[in-house]
Amino acid sequence: MKDFTPSYSQRMAKSRLYKWLSTHEARVRLEDMTVSAISAAAKAPLMNEWLSKSQEFADWLYERDTITTKVHAYSEIALDRLYNIVTDSDAQTGDIIKAAKLILELADAFPKKGGSVVFADKALNEMSDDQVQKELDAYRAKLAVGGTSGNS
């Protein structure tokens, strides 16, 4: 697909179209819509003109996940640039270290800094012996209601 840069009006029209589709998709598929229906849903009177003049516009309009596609493409470019910095013999040491650190972070090469472990019985560990005994007695009393104490 050739690069296409939509105008602000075209971006807004696509946004309105996909918002409309998100509430009507169970009944309507974009592929089955006429140009006039697309124009109405997108609130874009120039839709027919845009679609008839530019295949690139049509390709862009029908691509549902433009943002993800761009993020992946730009990620590739960013990784190439990081690689170029790391392998450039004329690059400054600080730049090489920063680029290498970013690459390693992206590769999950560093252990995750997680939060502290919270145990389900934390409150029990903070109780005094007397409080624990009272809790156990109350629990045993609940068990005894049905005629069993749990100590058979």
Protein backbone atom coordinates (compact mmCIF):
# COMPACT_ATOMS: atom_id res chain seq x y z
CA MET A 1 0.00 0.00 0.00
CA LYS A 2 1.31 3.43 -0.93
CA ASP A 3 1.70 5.90 1.92
CA PHE A 4 -1.35 8.06 2.31
CA THR A 5 -1.66 11.11 4.54
CA PRO A 6 -5.30 11.95 5.17
CA SER A 7 -6.48 15.49 5.73
CA TYR A 8 -7.99 16.51 9.05
CA SER A 9 -11.49 16.27 7.51
CA GLN A 10 -10.77 12.76 6.24
CA ARG A 11 -9.46 11.65 9.65
CA MET A 12 -12.56 13.01 11.36
CA ALA A 13 -14.83 11.35 8.78
CA LYS A 14 -13.15 7.97 9.36
CA SER A 15 -13.45 8.44 13.10
CA ARG A 16 -17.17 9.23 12.84
CA LEU A 17 -17.69 6.30 10.45
CA TYR A 18 -16.07 3.75 12.77
CA LYS A 19 -17.86 5.19 15.79
CA TRP A 20 -21.15 4.78 13.90
CA LEU A 21 -20.17 1.24 12.87
CA SER A 22 -19.36 0.31 16.47
CA THR A 23 -23.02 0.79 17.36
CA HIS A 24 -24.47 -0.76 14.18
CA GLU A 25 -21.95 -3.50 13.34
CA ALA A 26 -24.26 -6.35 14.31
CA ARG A 27 -26.53 -5.34 11.43
CA VAL A 28 -24.20 -3.52 9.02
CA ARG A 29 -20.77 -4.36 7.62
CA LEU A 30 -18.66 -1.59 6.10
CA GLU A 31 -17.92 -3.79 3.10
CA ASP A 32 -21.65 -4.00 2.32
CA MET A 33 -22.37 -0.27 2.61
CA THR A 34 -22.90 1.97 -0.39
CA VAL A 35 -20.81 5.11 -0.79
CA SER A 36 -23.83 7.26 0.08
CA ALA A 37 -24.43 5.21 3.25
CA ILE A 38 -20.76 5.56 4.21
CA SER A 39 -20.98 9.29 3.53
CA ALA A 40 -24.08 9.60 5.73
CA ALA A 41 -22.61 7.54 8.58
CA ALA A 42 -19.34 9.51 8.43
CA LYS A 43 -21.18 12.82 8.07
CA ALA A 44 -18.83 13.52 5.18
CA PRO A 45 -20.44 14.99 2.06
CA LEU A 46 -17.11 14.76 0.18
CA MET A 47 -16.81 11.00 0.72
CA ASN A 48 -17.87 10.13 -2.84
CA GLU A 49 -15.29 12.54 -4.25
CA TRP A 50 -12.53 11.23 -1.96
CA LEU A 51 -13.27 7.59 -2.79
CA SER A 52 -13.51 8.17 -6.54
CA LYS A 53 -10.27 10.16 -6.77
CA SER A 54 -7.93 8.14 -4.58
CA GLN A 55 -7.43 4.40 -4.20
CA GLU A 56 -5.01 5.20 -1.36
CA PHE A 57 -7.83 6.99 0.47
CA ALA A 58 -10.11 3.98 -0.02
CA ASP A 59 -7.42 1.59 1.24
CA TRP A 60 -6.86 3.81 4.29
CA LEU A 61 -10.60 4.18 4.96
CA TYR A 62 -11.29 0.44 4.81
CA GLU A 63 -8.33 -0.42 7.05
CA ARG A 64 -9.89 -0.88 10.47
CA ASP A 65 -6.79 -0.78 12.58
CA THR A 66 -4.76 2.09 11.12
CA ILE A 67 -3.27 3.02 14.49
CA THR A 68 -1.91 -0.45 15.23
CA THR A 69 -0.49 -0.68 11.72
CA LYS A 70 1.31 2.64 12.16
CA VAL A 71 2.57 1.74 15.63
CA HIS A 72 4.09 -1.46 14.27
CA ALA A 73 5.66 0.36 11.33
CA TYR A 74 7.11 3.12 13.50
CA SER A 75 8.31 0.54 16.02
CA GLU A 76 10.34 -1.09 13.27
CA ILE A 77 11.86 2.28 12.35
CA ALA A 78 12.62 3.06 16.00
CA LEU A 79 14.31 -0.31 16.51
CA ASP A 80 16.40 0.23 13.36
CA ARG A 81 17.49 3.63 14.66
CA LEU A 82 18.39 2.17 18.06
CA TYR A 83 20.38 -0.55 16.32
CA ASN A 84 22.19 2.08 14.24
CA ILE A 85 23.15 3.99 17.39
CA VAL A 86 24.40 0.87 19.17
CA THR A 87 26.51 -0.22 16.19
CA ASP A 88 27.80 3.23 15.18
CA SER A 89 31.50 3.42 16.00
CA ASP A 90 31.28 7.24 16.01
CA ALA A 91 28.34 7.41 18.45
CA GLN A 92 28.94 8.81 21.90
CA THR A 93 29.17 6.30 24.69
CA GLY A 94 26.21 7.81 26.56
CA ASP A 95 23.99 7.51 23.48
CA ILE A 96 25.07 3.90 22.94
CA ILE A 97 24.28 3.03 26.57
CA LYS A 98 20.86 4.72 26.41
CA ALA A 99 20.00 2.93 23.15
CA ALA A 100 21.23 -0.42 24.48
CA LYS A 101 19.19 0.04 27.66
CA LEU A 102 16.04 0.75 25.63
CA ILE A 103 16.62 -2.34 23.50
CA LEU A 104 17.17 -4.49 26.59
CA GLU A 105 14.04 -3.09 28.25
CA LEU A 106 12.00 -3.85 25.13
CA ALA A 107 13.39 -7.39 25.16
CA ASP A 108 12.34 -7.80 28.83
CA ALA A 109 15.98 -8.44 29.77
CA PHE A 110 15.58 -6.86 33.20
CA PRO A 111 13.71 -8.50 36.07
CA LYS A 112 10.39 -6.83 36.77
CA LYS A 113 10.19 -4.70 39.88
CA GLY A 114 6.98 -5.99 41.36
CA GLY A 115 5.10 -4.82 44.39
CA SER A 116 5.41 -6.52 47.71
CA VAL A 117 3.66 -9.82 48.24
CA VAL A 118 0.43 -9.52 50.20
CA PHE A 119 -0.61 -12.70 51.95
CA ALA A 120 -4.26 -13.57 52.41
CA ASP A 121 -3.67 -14.31 56.09
CA LYS A 122 -1.83 -11.03 56.75
CA ALA A 123 -4.39 -9.95 59.36
CA LEU A 124 -3.93 -13.27 61.14
CA ASN A 125 -0.18 -12.73 61.36
CA GLU A 126 -0.73 -9.35 62.98
CA MET A 127 -3.08 -10.73 65.71
CA SER A 128 -2.03 -11.50 69.23
CA ASP A 129 -2.26 -15.11 70.44
CA ASP A 130 -5.45 -14.25 72.37
CA GLN A 131 -7.05 -12.72 69.27
CA VAL A 132 -6.15 -15.80 67.21
CA GLN A 133 -7.69 -18.05 69.86
CA LYS A 134 -10.91 -15.98 69.85
CA GLU A 135 -11.08 -16.20 66.05
CA LEU A 136 -10.62 -19.98 66.20
CA ASP A 137 -13.28 -20.34 68.87
CA ALA A 138 -15.74 -18.26 66.85
CA TYR A 139 -15.00 -20.35 63.74
CA ARG A 140 -15.49 -23.61 65.66
CA ALA A 141 -18.79 -22.31 67.03
CA LYS A 142 -20.00 -21.66 63.48
CA LEU A 143 -19.05 -25.20 62.51
CA ALA A 144 -20.84 -26.62 65.58
CA VAL A 145 -24.18 -25.07 64.57
CA GLY A 146 -24.81 -27.97 62.21
CA GLY A 147 -24.07 -30.48 64.97
CA THR A 148 -20.47 -31.11 63.96
CA SER A 149 -17.51 -29.49 65.57
CA GLY A 150 -15.01 -30.64 63.02
CA ASN A 151 -13.20 -32.61 65.76
CA SER A 152 -14.56 -36.08 65.08
